[in-house]
Amino acid sequence: MKSLLEQIKERRLALGLKQKDMMLRIGVSRQQYQHVEAKGNPRLNTLELISKGLNSELMLIPSEKLSTVLDVLENDEFPPSTGENKDHKAIKENTLANDPWKDLLEAEAEAEGEGEEEE
């Protein structure tokens, strides 16, 4: 099994990120991040920041469940359970963040249109 530091580096590379990219994602310098990947002994809060910066979750997996979790991660055969709903919600929230008036103006125009028909 790969060490945590190896997993962090592998995940960063899988996302197509360079070490310097992590500065913007988690707020540490390239040198600090490079030290973590190379031989660091990061604090828990640093690991939490790194996991978020790598679009990952930091978890404690019970030993008796480890083989099941590894199988799922390696095979990717199982559809995401709640992650899909979270992704859909995140996309919707992001759309609203970019266009806070979305649907409001359309609803107002429809309401005005209905009022004109009644007159």
PDB file of N, CA and C in Angstrom:
ATOM      1  N   MET A   1       0.848  -1.186   0.000  1.00  0.00           N
ATOM      2  CA  MET A   1       0.000   0.000   0.000  1.00  0.00           C
ATOM      3  C   MET A   1       0.886   1.240   0.000  1.00  0.00           C
ATOM      4  N   LYS A   2       0.456   2.230  -0.767  1.00  0.00           N
ATOM      5  CA  LYS A   2       1.230   3.465  -0.890  1.00  0.00           C
ATOM      6  C   LYS A   2       1.114   4.299   0.380  1.00  0.00           C
ATOM      7  N   SER A   3       2.173   5.037   0.654  1.00  0.00           N
ATOM      8  CA  SER A   3       2.135   5.941   1.795  1.00  0.00           C
ATOM      9  C   SER A   3       1.187   7.093   1.487  1.00  0.00           C
ATOM     10  N   LEU A   4       0.772   7.797   2.511  1.00  0.00           N
ATOM     11  CA  LEU A   4      -0.122   8.929   2.341  1.00  0.00           C
ATOM     12  C   LEU A   4       0.519   9.994   1.450  1.00  0.00           C
ATOM     13  N   LEU A   5       1.796  10.243   1.646  1.00  0.00           N
ATOM     14  CA  LEU A   5       2.484  11.246   0.842  1.00  0.00           C
ATOM     15  C   LEU A   5       2.535  10.842  -0.631  1.00  0.00           C
ATOM     16  N   GLU A   6       2.712   9.559  -0.896  1.00  0.00           N
ATOM     17  CA  GLU A   6       2.687   9.074  -2.280  1.00  0.00           C
ATOM     18  C   GLU A   6       1.292   9.238  -2.881  1.00  0.00           C
ATOM     19  N   GLN A   7       0.274   8.980  -2.081  1.00  0.00           N
ATOM     20  CA  GLN A   7      -1.098   9.131  -2.555  1.00  0.00           C
ATOM     21  C   GLN A   7      -1.411  10.596  -2.877  1.00  0.00           C
ATOM     22  N   ILE A   8      -0.904  11.506  -2.056  1.00  0.00           N
ATOM     23  CA  ILE A   8      -1.117  12.932  -2.284  1.00  0.00           C
ATOM     24  C   ILE A   8      -0.486  13.341  -3.614  1.00  0.00           C
ATOM     25  N   LYS A   9       0.745  12.927  -3.833  1.00  0.00           N
ATOM     26  CA  LYS A   9       1.431  13.277  -5.078  1.00  0.00           C
ATOM     27  C   LYS A   9       0.706  12.667  -6.282  1.00  0.00           C
ATOM     28  N   GLU A  10       0.300  11.418  -6.158  1.00  0.00           N
ATOM     29  CA  GLU A  10      -0.398  10.733  -7.249  1.00  0.00           C
ATOM     30  C   GLU A  10      -1.707  11.453  -7.586  1.00  0.00           C
ATOM     31  N   ARG A  11      -2.439  11.869  -6.568  1.00  0.00           N
ATOM     32  CA  ARG A  11      -3.700  12.569  -6.792  1.00  0.00           C
ATOM     33  C   ARG A  11      -3.457  13.915  -7.478  1.00  0.00           C
ATOM     34  N   ARG A  12      -2.439  14.645  -7.032  1.00  0.00           N
ATOM     35  CA  ARG A  12      -2.121  15.941  -7.641  1.00  0.00           C
ATOM     36  C   ARG A  12      -1.810  15.766  -9.116  1.00  0.00           C
ATOM     37  N   LEU A  13      -0.992  14.767  -9.431  1.00  0.00           N
ATOM     38  CA  LEU A  13      -0.621  14.512 -10.818  1.00  0.00           C
ATOM     39  C   LEU A  13      -1.836  14.073 -11.641  1.00  0.00           C
ATOM     40  N   ALA A  14      -2.715  13.291 -11.040  1.00  0.00           N
ATOM     41  CA  ALA A  14      -3.924  12.837 -11.742  1.00  0.00           C
ATOM     42  C   ALA A  14      -4.820  14.014 -12.097  1.00  0.00           C
ATOM     43  N   LEU A  15      -4.797  15.053 -11.280  1.00  0.00           N
ATOM     44  CA  LEU A  15      -5.589  16.254 -11.549  1.00  0.00           C
ATOM     45  C   LEU A  15      -4.872  17.208 -12.496  1.00  0.00           C
ATOM     46  N   GLY A  16      -3.640  16.851 -12.871  1.00  0.00           N
ATOM     47  CA  GLY A  16      -2.873  17.698 -13.786  1.00  0.00           C
ATOM     48  C   GLY A  16      -2.353  18.960 -13.134  1.00  0.00           C
ATOM     49  N   LEU A  17      -2.111  18.904 -11.827  1.00  0.00           N
ATOM     50  CA  LEU A  17      -1.640  20.070 -11.090  1.00  0.00           C
ATOM     51  C   LEU A  17      -0.146  19.994 -10.850  1.00  0.00           C
ATOM     52  N   LYS A  18       0.480  21.155 -10.800  1.00  0.00           N
ATOM     53  CA  LYS A  18       1.889  21.253 -10.435  1.00  0.00           C
ATOM     54  C   LYS A  18       1.966  21.655  -8.971  1.00  0.00           C
ATOM     55  N   GLN A  19       3.132  21.471  -8.379  1.00  0.00           N
ATOM     56  CA  GLN A  19       3.276  21.827  -6.966  1.00  0.00           C
ATOM     57  C   GLN A  19       2.976  23.298  -6.744  1.00  0.00           C
ATOM     58  N   LYS A  20       3.367  24.159  -7.675  1.00  0.00           N
ATOM     59  CA  LYS A  20       3.111  25.589  -7.496  1.00  0.00           C
ATOM     60  C   LYS A  20       1.618  25.917  -7.553  1.00  0.00           C
ATOM     61  N   ASP A  21       0.822  25.069  -8.216  1.00  0.00           N
ATOM     62  CA  ASP A  21      -0.629  25.277  -8.266  1.00  0.00           C
ATOM     63  C   ASP A  21      -1.259  25.153  -6.883  1.00  0.00           C
ATOM     64  N   MET A  22      -0.633  24.389  -6.024  1.00  0.00           N
ATOM     65  CA  MET A  22      -1.195  24.165  -4.696  1.00  0.00           C
ATOM     66  C   MET A  22      -1.177  25.436  -3.845  1.00  0.00           C
ATOM     67  N   MET A  23      -0.297  26.369  -4.182  1.00  0.00           N
ATOM     68  CA  MET A  23      -0.240  27.627  -3.434  1.00  0.00           C
ATOM     69  C   MET A  23      -1.594  28.337  -3.503  1.00  0.00           C
ATOM     70  N   LEU A  24      -2.162  28.406  -4.695  1.00  0.00           N
ATOM     71  CA  LEU A  24      -3.456  29.070  -4.848  1.00  0.00           C
ATOM     72  C   LEU A  24      -4.591  28.242  -4.273  1.00  0.00           C
ATOM     73  N   ARG A  25      -4.462  26.939  -4.312  1.00  0.00           N
ATOM     74  CA  ARG A  25      -5.538  26.066  -3.851  1.00  0.00           C
ATOM     75  C   ARG A  25      -5.595  25.948  -2.336  1.00  0.00           C
ATOM     76  N   ILE A  26      -4.443  25.940  -1.674  1.00  0.00           N
ATOM     77  CA  ILE A  26      -4.470  25.707  -0.219  1.00  0.00           C
ATOM     78  C   ILE A  26      -3.732  26.768   0.586  1.00  0.00           C
ATOM     79  N   GLY A  27      -3.059  27.709  -0.087  1.00  0.00           N
ATOM     80  CA  GLY A  27      -2.425  28.812   0.624  1.00  0.00           C
ATOM     81  C   GLY A  27      -1.079  28.509   1.243  1.00  0.00           C
ATOM     82  N   VAL A  28      -0.337  27.568   0.692  1.00  0.00           N
ATOM     83  CA  VAL A  28       1.031  27.330   1.156  1.00  0.00           C
ATOM     84  C   VAL A  28       1.976  27.533  -0.023  1.00  0.00           C
ATOM     85  N   SER A  29       3.206  27.888   0.271  1.00  0.00           N
ATOM     86  CA  SER A  29       4.163  28.121  -0.806  1.00  0.00           C
ATOM     87  C   SER A  29       4.534  26.807  -1.491  1.00  0.00           C
ATOM     88  N   ARG A  30       5.080  26.933  -2.683  1.00  0.00           N
ATOM     89  CA  ARG A  30       5.511  25.745  -3.424  1.00  0.00           C
ATOM     90  C   ARG A  30       6.547  24.978  -2.615  1.00  0.00           C
ATOM     91  N   GLN A  31       7.457  25.690  -1.960  1.00  0.00           N
ATOM     92  CA  GLN A  31       8.488  25.033  -1.165  1.00  0.00           C
ATOM     93  C   GLN A  31       7.893  24.253  -0.003  1.00  0.00           C
ATOM     94  N   GLN A  32       6.919  24.834   0.670  1.00  0.00           N
ATOM     95  CA  GLN A  32       6.268  24.142   1.786  1.00  0.00           C
ATOM     96  C   GLN A  32       5.554  22.890   1.288  1.00  0.00           C
ATOM     97  N   TYR A  33       4.845  23.028   0.173  1.00  0.00           N
ATOM     98  CA  TYR A  33       4.126  21.889  -0.361  1.00  0.00           C
ATOM     99  C   TYR A  33       5.099  20.821  -0.842  1.00  0.00           C
ATOM    100  N   GLN A  34       6.163  21.239  -1.483  1.00  0.00           N
ATOM    101  CA  GLN A  34       7.182  20.296  -1.970  1.00  0.00           C
ATOM    102  C   GLN A  34       7.761  19.505  -0.798  1.00  0.00           C
ATOM    103  N   HIS A  35       7.977  20.166   0.310  1.00  0.00           N
ATOM    104  CA  HIS A  35       8.507  19.496   1.504  1.00  0.00           C
ATOM    105  C   HIS A  35       7.520  18.437   2.014  1.00  0.00           C
ATOM    106  N   VAL A  36       6.237  18.749   1.995  1.00  0.00           N
ATOM    107  CA  VAL A  36       5.220  17.783   2.440  1.00  0.00           C
ATOM    108  C   VAL A  36       5.279  16.535   1.573  1.00  0.00           C
ATOM    109  N   GLU A  37       5.294  16.722   0.251  1.00  0.00           N
ATOM    110  CA  GLU A  37       5.318  15.570  -0.652  1.00  0.00           C
ATOM    111  C   GLU A  37       6.604  14.770  -0.533  1.00  0.00           C
ATOM    112  N   ALA A  38       7.714  15.449  -0.326  1.00  0.00           N
ATOM    113  CA  ALA A  38       9.018  14.781  -0.319  1.00  0.00           C
ATOM    114  C   ALA A  38       9.245  13.964   0.951  1.00  0.00           C
ATOM    115  N   LYS A  39       9.085  14.589   2.080  1.00  0.00           N
ATOM    116  CA  LYS A  39       9.410  13.883   3.324  1.00  0.00           C
ATOM    117  C   LYS A  39       8.755  14.520   4.533  1.00  0.00           C
ATOM    118  N   GLY A  40       7.716  15.252   4.279  1.00  0.00           N
ATOM    119  CA  GLY A  40       7.102  16.015   5.355  1.00  0.00           C
ATOM    120  C   GLY A  40       6.362  15.175   6.364  1.00  0.00           C
ATOM    121  N   ASN A  41       6.097  15.805   7.460  1.00  0.00           N
ATOM    122  CA  ASN A  41       5.277  15.232   8.512  1.00  0.00           C
ATOM    123  C   ASN A  41       4.216  16.284   8.817  1.00  0.00           C
ATOM    124  N   PRO A  42       3.251  16.442   7.878  1.00  0.00           N
ATOM    125  CA  PRO A  42       2.311  17.554   8.005  1.00  0.00           C
ATOM    126  C   PRO A  42       1.359  17.392   9.173  1.00  0.00           C
ATOM    127  N   ARG A  43       0.916  18.523   9.662  1.00  0.00           N
ATOM    128  CA  ARG A  43      -0.099  18.540  10.715  1.00  0.00           C
ATOM    129  C   ARG A  43      -1.438  18.138  10.116  1.00  0.00           C
ATOM    130  N   LEU A  44      -2.351  17.764  10.963  1.00  0.00           N
ATOM    131  CA  LEU A  44      -3.669  17.339  10.516  1.00  0.00           C
ATOM    132  C   LEU A  44      -4.376  18.446   9.742  1.00  0.00           C
ATOM    133  N   ASN A  45      -4.311  19.670  10.231  1.00  0.00           N
ATOM    134  CA  ASN A  45      -4.997  20.754   9.521  1.00  0.00           C
ATOM    135  C   ASN A  45      -4.384  20.995   8.143  1.00  0.00           C
ATOM    136  N   THR A  46      -3.082  20.764   7.995  1.00  0.00           N
ATOM    137  CA  THR A  46      -2.444  20.874   6.684  1.00  0.00           C
ATOM    138  C   THR A  46      -2.929  19.765   5.770  1.00  0.00           C
ATOM    139  N   LEU A  47      -3.057  18.554   6.290  1.00  0.00           N
ATOM    140  CA  LEU A  47      -3.578  17.441   5.493  1.00  0.00           C
ATOM    141  C   LEU A  47      -5.017  17.709   5.052  1.00  0.00           C
ATOM    142  N   GLU A  48      -5.805  18.308   5.927  1.00  0.00           N
ATOM    143  CA  GLU A  48      -7.189  18.637   5.561  1.00  0.00           C
ATOM    144  C   GLU A  48      -7.220  19.666   4.439  1.00  0.00           C
ATOM    145  N   LEU A  49      -6.354  20.677   4.510  1.00  0.00           N
ATOM    146  CA  LEU A  49      -6.268  21.676   3.443  1.00  0.00           C
ATOM    147  C   LEU A  49      -5.848  21.039   2.125  1.00  0.00           C
ATOM    148  N   ILE A  50      -4.844  20.173   2.199  1.00  0.00           N
ATOM    149  CA  ILE A  50      -4.354  19.500   0.994  1.00  0.00           C
ATOM    150  C   ILE A  50      -5.456  18.644   0.389  1.00  0.00           C
ATOM    151  N   SER A  51      -6.180  17.915   1.211  1.00  0.00           N
ATOM    152  CA  SER A  51      -7.236  17.051   0.675  1.00  0.00           C
ATOM    153  C   SER A  51      -8.307  17.875  -0.024  1.00  0.00           C
ATOM    154  N   LYS A  52      -8.690  18.998   0.542  1.00  0.00           N
ATOM    155  CA  LYS A  52      -9.677  19.860  -0.107  1.00  0.00           C
ATOM    156  C   LYS A  52      -9.118  20.433  -1.405  1.00  0.00           C
ATOM    157  N   GLY A  53      -7.845  20.822  -1.398  1.00  0.00           N
ATOM    158  CA  GLY A  53      -7.201  21.351  -2.594  1.00  0.00           C
ATOM    159  C   GLY A  53      -7.098  20.322  -3.702  1.00  0.00           C
ATOM    160  N   LEU A  54      -7.125  19.060  -3.346  1.00  0.00           N
ATOM    161  CA  LEU A  54      -7.042  17.978  -4.325  1.00  0.00           C
ATOM    162  C   LEU A  54      -8.415  17.351  -4.589  1.00  0.00           C
ATOM    163  N   ASN A  55      -9.473  18.060  -4.208  1.00  0.00           N
ATOM    164  CA  ASN A  55     -10.844  17.561  -4.395  1.00  0.00           C
ATOM    165  C   ASN A  55     -10.992  16.146  -3.843  1.00  0.00           C
ATOM    166  N   SER A  56     -10.515  15.960  -2.631  1.00  0.00           N
ATOM    167  CA  SER A  56     -10.522  14.651  -1.987  1.00  0.00           C
ATOM    168  C   SER A  56     -11.024  14.792  -0.553  1.00  0.00           C
ATOM    169  N   GLU A  57     -11.210  13.659   0.082  1.00  0.00           N
ATOM    170  CA  GLU A  57     -11.621  13.625   1.477  1.00  0.00           C
ATOM    171  C   GLU A  57     -10.575  12.874   2.285  1.00  0.00           C
ATOM    172  N   LEU A  58     -10.304  13.355   3.449  1.00  0.00           N
ATOM    173  CA  LEU A  58      -9.401  12.697   4.378  1.00  0.00           C
ATOM    174  C   LEU A  58     -10.271  11.872   5.315  1.00  0.00           C
ATOM    175  N   MET A  59     -10.037  10.546   5.360  1.00  0.00           N
ATOM    176  CA  MET A  59     -10.881   9.677   6.176  1.00  0.00           C
ATOM    177  C   MET A  59     -10.056   8.664   6.952  1.00  0.00           C
ATOM    178  N   LEU A  60     -10.654   8.199   8.009  1.00  0.00           N
ATOM    179  CA  LEU A  60     -10.105   7.102   8.783  1.00  0.00           C
ATOM    180  C   LEU A  60     -10.916   5.868   8.397  1.00  0.00           C
ATOM    181  N   ILE A  61     -10.257   4.877   7.807  1.00  0.00           N
ATOM    182  CA  ILE A  61     -10.951   3.676   7.334  1.00  0.00           C
ATOM    183  C   ILE A  61     -10.639   2.526   8.285  1.00  0.00           C
ATOM    184  N   PRO A  62     -11.661   1.902   8.852  1.00  0.00           N
ATOM    185  CA  PRO A  62     -11.405   0.758   9.731  1.00  0.00           C
ATOM    186  C   PRO A  62     -10.675  -0.354   8.963  1.00  0.00           C
ATOM    187  N   SER A  63      -9.741  -0.993   9.606  1.00  0.00           N
ATOM    188  CA  SER A  63      -8.932  -2.035   8.971  1.00  0.00           C
ATOM    189  C   SER A  63      -9.780  -3.117   8.326  1.00  0.00           C
ATOM    190  N   GLU A  64     -10.871  -3.494   8.985  1.00  0.00           N
ATOM    191  CA  GLU A  64     -11.702  -4.566   8.446  1.00  0.00           C
ATOM    192  C   GLU A  64     -12.459  -4.142   7.182  1.00  0.00           C
ATOM    193  N   LYS A  65     -12.535  -2.846   6.888  1.00  0.00           N
ATOM    194  CA  LYS A  65     -13.218  -2.344   5.690  1.00  0.00           C
ATOM    195  C   LYS A  65     -12.232  -1.930   4.590  1.00  0.00           C
ATOM    196  N   LEU A  66     -10.947  -1.943   4.893  1.00  0.00           N
ATOM    197  CA  LEU A  66      -9.947  -1.428   3.965  1.00  0.00           C
ATOM    198  C   LEU A  66      -9.967  -2.138   2.613  1.00  0.00           C
ATOM    199  N   SER A  67     -10.026  -3.456   2.605  1.00  0.00           N
ATOM    200  CA  SER A  67     -10.001  -4.179   1.330  1.00  0.00           C
ATOM    201  C   SER A  67     -11.221  -3.834   0.471  1.00  0.00           C
ATOM    202  N   THR A  68     -12.368  -3.653   1.095  1.00  0.00           N
ATOM    203  CA  THR A  68     -13.582  -3.277   0.350  1.00  0.00           C
ATOM    204  C   THR A  68     -13.422  -1.894  -0.262  1.00  0.00           C
ATOM    205  N   VAL A  69     -12.924  -0.967   0.513  1.00  0.00           N
ATOM    206  CA  VAL A  69     -12.726   0.398   0.020  1.00  0.00           C
ATOM    207  C   VAL A  69     -11.711   0.409  -1.121  1.00  0.00           C
ATOM    208  N   LEU A  70     -10.613  -0.326  -0.967  1.00  0.00           N
ATOM    209  CA  LEU A  70      -9.602  -0.387  -2.018  1.00  0.00           C
ATOM    210  C   LEU A  70     -10.156  -1.003  -3.294  1.00  0.00           C
ATOM    211  N   ASP A  71     -10.976  -2.035  -3.158  1.00  0.00           N
ATOM    212  CA  ASP A  71     -11.603  -2.649  -4.331  1.00  0.00           C
ATOM    213  C   ASP A  71     -12.484  -1.651  -5.078  1.00  0.00           C
ATOM    214  N   VAL A  72     -13.273  -0.914  -4.331  1.00  0.00           N
ATOM    215  CA  VAL A  72     -14.152   0.089  -4.947  1.00  0.00           C
ATOM    216  C   VAL A  72     -13.316   1.144  -5.673  1.00  0.00           C
ATOM    217  N   LEU A  73     -12.275   1.624  -5.022  1.00  0.00           N
ATOM    218  CA  LEU A  73     -11.442   2.663  -5.634  1.00  0.00           C
ATOM    219  C   LEU A  73     -10.712   2.161  -6.871  1.00  0.00           C
ATOM    220  N   GLU A  74     -10.264   0.936  -6.845  1.00  0.00           N
ATOM    221  CA  GLU A  74      -9.528   0.390  -7.985  1.00  0.00           C
ATOM    222  C   GLU A  74     -10.441   0.061  -9.150  1.00  0.00           C
ATOM    223  N   ASN A  75     -11.619  -0.474  -8.875  1.00  0.00           N
ATOM    224  CA  ASN A  75     -12.509  -0.927  -9.939  1.00  0.00           C
ATOM    225  C   ASN A  75     -13.412   0.164 -10.482  1.00  0.00           C
ATOM    226  N   ASP A  76     -13.771   1.104  -9.654  1.00  0.00           N
ATOM    227  CA  ASP A  76     -14.689   2.169 -10.070  1.00  0.00           C
ATOM    228  C   ASP A  76     -15.944   1.626 -10.727  1.00  0.00           C
ATOM    229  N   GLU A  77     -16.407   0.457 -10.296  1.00  0.00           N
ATOM    230  CA  GLU A  77     -17.593  -0.164 -10.876  1.00  0.00           C
ATOM    231  C   GLU A  77     -18.876   0.343 -10.243  1.00  0.00           C
ATOM    232  N   PHE A  78     -18.779   0.864  -9.045  1.00  0.00           N
ATOM    233  CA  PHE A  78     -19.973   1.270  -8.324  1.00  0.00           C
ATOM    234  C   PHE A  78     -20.292   2.723  -8.637  1.00  0.00           C
ATOM    235  N   PRO A  79     -21.542   3.021  -8.947  1.00  0.00           N
ATOM    236  CA  PRO A  79     -21.903   4.410  -9.206  1.00  0.00           C
ATOM    237  C   PRO A  79     -21.830   5.214  -7.920  1.00  0.00           C
ATOM    238  N   PRO A  80     -21.538   6.495  -8.014  1.00  0.00           N
ATOM    239  CA  PRO A  80     -21.497   7.303  -6.796  1.00  0.00           C
ATOM    240  C   PRO A  80     -22.872   7.366  -6.162  1.00  0.00           C
ATOM    241  N   SER A  81     -22.917   7.239  -4.854  1.00  0.00           N
ATOM    242  CA  SER A  81     -24.211   7.225  -4.178  1.00  0.00           C
ATOM    243  C   SER A  81     -24.719   8.638  -3.961  1.00  0.00           C
ATOM    244  N   THR A  82     -24.168   9.346  -2.987  1.00  0.00           N
ATOM    245  CA  THR A  82     -24.653  10.693  -2.709  1.00  0.00           C
ATOM    246  C   THR A  82     -23.801  11.738  -3.410  1.00  0.00           C
ATOM    247  N   GLY A  83     -22.639  11.375  -3.893  1.00  0.00           N
ATOM    248  CA  GLY A  83     -21.767  12.335  -4.552  1.00  0.00           C
ATOM    249  C   GLY A  83     -22.408  12.944  -5.773  1.00  0.00           C
ATOM    250  N   GLU A  84     -23.197  12.165  -6.498  1.00  0.00           N
ATOM    251  CA  GLU A  84     -23.833  12.673  -7.704  1.00  0.00           C
ATOM    252  C   GLU A  84     -24.809  13.788  -7.345  1.00  0.00           C
ATOM    253  N   ASN A  85     -25.573  13.611  -6.281  1.00  0.00           N
ATOM    254  CA  ASN A  85     -26.494  14.662  -5.860  1.00  0.00           C
ATOM    255  C   ASN A  85     -25.739  15.900  -5.408  1.00  0.00           C
ATOM    256  N   LYS A  86     -24.622  15.714  -4.726  1.00  0.00           N
ATOM    257  CA  LYS A  86     -23.817  16.847  -4.287  1.00  0.00           C
ATOM    258  C   LYS A  86     -23.257  17.593  -5.487  1.00  0.00           C
ATOM    259  N   ASP A  87     -22.792  16.855  -6.497  1.00  0.00           N
ATOM    260  CA  ASP A  87     -22.250  17.492  -7.687  1.00  0.00           C
ATOM    261  C   ASP A  87     -23.325  18.312  -8.390  1.00  0.00           C
ATOM    262  N   HIS A  88     -24.535  17.740  -8.521  1.00  0.00           N
ATOM    263  CA  HIS A  88     -25.635  18.456  -9.165  1.00  0.00           C
ATOM    264  C   HIS A  88     -25.967  19.722  -8.383  1.00  0.00           C
ATOM    265  N   LYS A  89     -26.004  19.615  -7.073  1.00  0.00           N
ATOM    266  CA  LYS A  89     -26.299  20.772  -6.228  1.00  0.00           C
ATOM    267  C   LYS A  89     -25.204  21.822  -6.363  1.00  0.00           C
ATOM    268  N   ALA A  90     -23.942  21.385  -6.406  1.00  0.00           N
ATOM    269  CA  ALA A  90     -22.824  22.319  -6.543  1.00  0.00           C
ATOM    270  C   ALA A  90     -22.888  23.051  -7.880  1.00  0.00           C
ATOM    271  N   ILE A  91     -23.248  22.331  -8.935  1.00  0.00           N
ATOM    272  CA  ILE A  91     -23.356  22.955 -10.253  1.00  0.00           C
ATOM    273  C   ILE A  91     -24.474  24.000 -10.238  1.00  0.00           C
ATOM    274  N   LYS A  92     -25.602  23.645  -9.644  1.00  0.00           N
ATOM    275  CA  LYS A  92     -26.730  24.580  -9.566  1.00  0.00           C
ATOM    276  C   LYS A  92     -26.337  25.811  -8.757  1.00  0.00           C
ATOM    277  N   GLU A  93     -25.662  25.619  -7.612  1.00  0.00           N
ATOM    278  CA  GLU A  93     -25.243  26.746  -6.789  1.00  0.00           C
ATOM    279  C   GLU A  93     -24.239  27.605  -7.530  1.00  0.00           C
ATOM    280  N   ASN A  94     -23.324  26.973  -8.264  1.00  0.00           N
ATOM    281  CA  ASN A  94     -22.338  27.719  -9.024  1.00  0.00           C
ATOM    282  C   ASN A  94     -23.019  28.548 -10.107  1.00  0.00           C
ATOM    283  N   THR A  95     -24.022  27.989 -10.756  1.00  0.00           N
ATOM    284  CA  THR A  95     -24.758  28.714 -11.777  1.00  0.00           C
ATOM    285  C   THR A  95     -25.441  29.927 -11.164  1.00  0.00           C
ATOM    286  N   LEU A  96     -26.046  29.748 -10.008  1.00  0.00           N
ATOM    287  CA  LEU A  96     -26.694  30.861  -9.334  1.00  0.00           C
ATOM    288  C   LEU A  96     -25.689  31.906  -8.875  1.00  0.00           C
ATOM    289  N   ALA A  97     -24.485  31.457  -8.478  1.00  0.00           N
ATOM    290  CA  ALA A  97     -23.454  32.398  -8.061  1.00  0.00           C
ATOM    291  C   ALA A  97     -23.000  33.244  -9.240  1.00  0.00           C
ATOM    292  N   ASN A  98     -22.942  32.649 -10.426  1.00  0.00           N
ATOM    293  CA  ASN A  98     -22.528  33.377 -11.618  1.00  0.00           C
ATOM    294  C   ASN A  98     -23.658  34.232 -12.179  1.00  0.00           C
ATOM    295  N   ASP A  99     -24.897  33.837 -11.986  1.00  0.00           N
ATOM    296  CA  ASP A  99     -26.054  34.555 -12.512  1.00  0.00           C
ATOM    297  C   ASP A  99     -27.158  34.549 -11.455  1.00  0.00           C
ATOM    298  N   PRO A 100     -27.063  35.444 -10.461  1.00  0.00           N
ATOM    299  CA  PRO A 100     -28.028  35.427  -9.367  1.00  0.00           C
ATOM    300  C   PRO A 100     -29.446  35.773  -9.806  1.00  0.00           C
ATOM    301  N   TRP A 101     -29.610  36.358 -10.993  1.00  0.00           N
ATOM    302  CA  TRP A 101     -30.932  36.739 -11.482  1.00  0.00           C
ATOM    303  C   TRP A 101     -31.575  35.638 -12.309  1.00  0.00           C
ATOM    304  N   LYS A 102     -30.850  34.527 -12.489  1.00  0.00           N
ATOM    305  CA  LYS A 102     -31.362  33.438 -13.313  1.00  0.00           C
ATOM    306  C   LYS A 102     -32.733  33.003 -12.799  1.00  0.00           C
ATOM    307  N   ASP A 103     -33.636  32.802 -13.680  1.00  0.00           N
ATOM    308  CA  ASP A 103     -35.002  32.352 -13.412  1.00  0.00           C
ATOM    309  C   ASP A 103     -35.884  33.433 -12.781  1.00  0.00           C
ATOM    310  N   LEU A 104     -35.318  34.414 -12.108  1.00  0.00           N
ATOM    311  CA  LEU A 104     -36.147  35.444 -11.489  1.00  0.00           C
ATOM    312  C   LEU A 104     -36.766  36.344 -12.546  1.00  0.00           C
ATOM    313  N   LEU A 105     -35.947  36.778 -13.506  1.00  0.00           N
ATOM    314  CA  LEU A 105     -36.469  37.646 -14.550  1.00  0.00           C
ATOM    315  C   LEU A 105     -37.452  36.899 -15.443  1.00  0.00           C
ATOM    316  N   GLU A 106     -37.152  35.632 -15.710  1.00  0.00           N
ATOM    317  CA  GLU A 106     -38.058  34.834 -16.532  1.00  0.00           C
ATOM    318  C   GLU A 106     -39.406  34.666 -15.844  1.00  0.00           C
ATOM    319  N   ALA A 107     -39.396  34.427 -14.558  1.00  0.00           N
ATOM    320  CA  ALA A 107     -40.640  34.264 -13.803  1.00  0.00           C
ATOM    321  C   ALA A 107     -41.425  35.571 -13.792  1.00  0.00           C
ATOM    322  N   GLU A 108     -40.718  36.698 -13.666  1.00  0.00           N
ATOM    323  CA  GLU A 108     -41.371  37.998 -13.661  1.00  0.00           C
ATOM    324  C   GLU A 108     -41.999  38.288 -15.022  1.00  0.00           C
ATOM    325  N   ALA A 109     -41.281  37.954 -16.092  1.00  0.00           N
ATOM    326  CA  ALA A 109     -41.802  38.175 -17.446  1.00  0.00           C
ATOM    327  C   ALA A 109     -43.040  37.314 -17.686  1.00  0.00           C
ATOM    328  N   GLU A 110     -43.007  36.089 -17.220  1.00  0.00           N
ATOM    329  CA  GLU A 110     -44.169  35.204 -17.372  1.00  0.00           C
ATOM    330  C   GLU A 110     -45.358  35.748 -16.609  1.00  0.00           C
ATOM    331  N   ALA A 111     -45.123  36.257 -15.398  1.00  0.00           N
ATOM    332  CA  ALA A 111     -46.205  36.808 -14.591  1.00  0.00           C
ATOM    333  C   ALA A 111     -46.812  38.024 -15.269  1.00  0.00           C
ATOM    334  N   GLU A 112     -45.978  38.877 -15.861  1.00  0.00           N
ATOM    335  CA  GLU A 112     -46.480  40.039 -16.581  1.00  0.00           C
ATOM    336  C   GLU A 112     -47.280  39.622 -17.791  1.00  0.00           C
ATOM    337  N   GLY A 113     -46.800  38.587 -18.493  1.00  0.00           N
ATOM    338  CA  GLY A 113     -47.488  38.084 -19.664  1.00  0.00           C
ATOM    339  C   GLY A 113     -48.872  37.545 -19.321  1.00  0.00           C
ATOM    340  N   GLU A 114     -48.969  36.893 -18.188  1.00  0.00           N
ATOM    341  CA  GLU A 114     -50.259  36.353 -17.751  1.00  0.00           C
ATOM    342  C   GLU A 114     -51.217  37.485 -17.393  1.00  0.00           C
ATOM    343  N   GLY A 115     -50.678  38.533 -16.788  1.00  0.00           N
ATOM    344  CA  GLY A 115     -51.506  39.693 -16.415  1.00  0.00           C
ATOM    345  C   GLY A 115     -52.049  40.400 -17.637  1.00  0.00           C
ATOM    346  N   GLU A 116     -51.282  40.475 -18.715  1.00  0.00           N
ATOM    347  CA  GLU A 116     -51.723  41.145 -19.928  1.00  0.00           C
ATOM    348  C   GLU A 116     -52.834  40.370 -20.596  1.00  0.00           C
ATOM    349  N   GLU A 117     -52.804  39.076 -20.530  1.00  0.00           N
ATOM    350  CA  GLU A 117     -53.817  38.247 -21.179  1.00  0.00           C
ATOM    351  C   GLU A 117     -55.179  38.417 -20.510  1.00  0.00           C
ATOM    352  N   GLU A 118     -55.171  38.710 -19.228  1.00  0.00           N
ATOM    353  CA  GLU A 118     -56.416  38.823 -18.491  1.00  0.00           C
ATOM    354  C   GLU A 118     -57.144  40.112 -18.800  1.00  0.00           C
ATOM    355  N   GLU A 119     -56.390  41.152 -19.181  1.00  0.00           N
ATOM    356  CA  GLU A 119     -57.001  42.461 -19.409  1.00  0.00           C
ATOM    357  C   GLU A 119     -57.822  42.520 -20.616  1.00  0.00           C
TER     358      GLU A 119
END
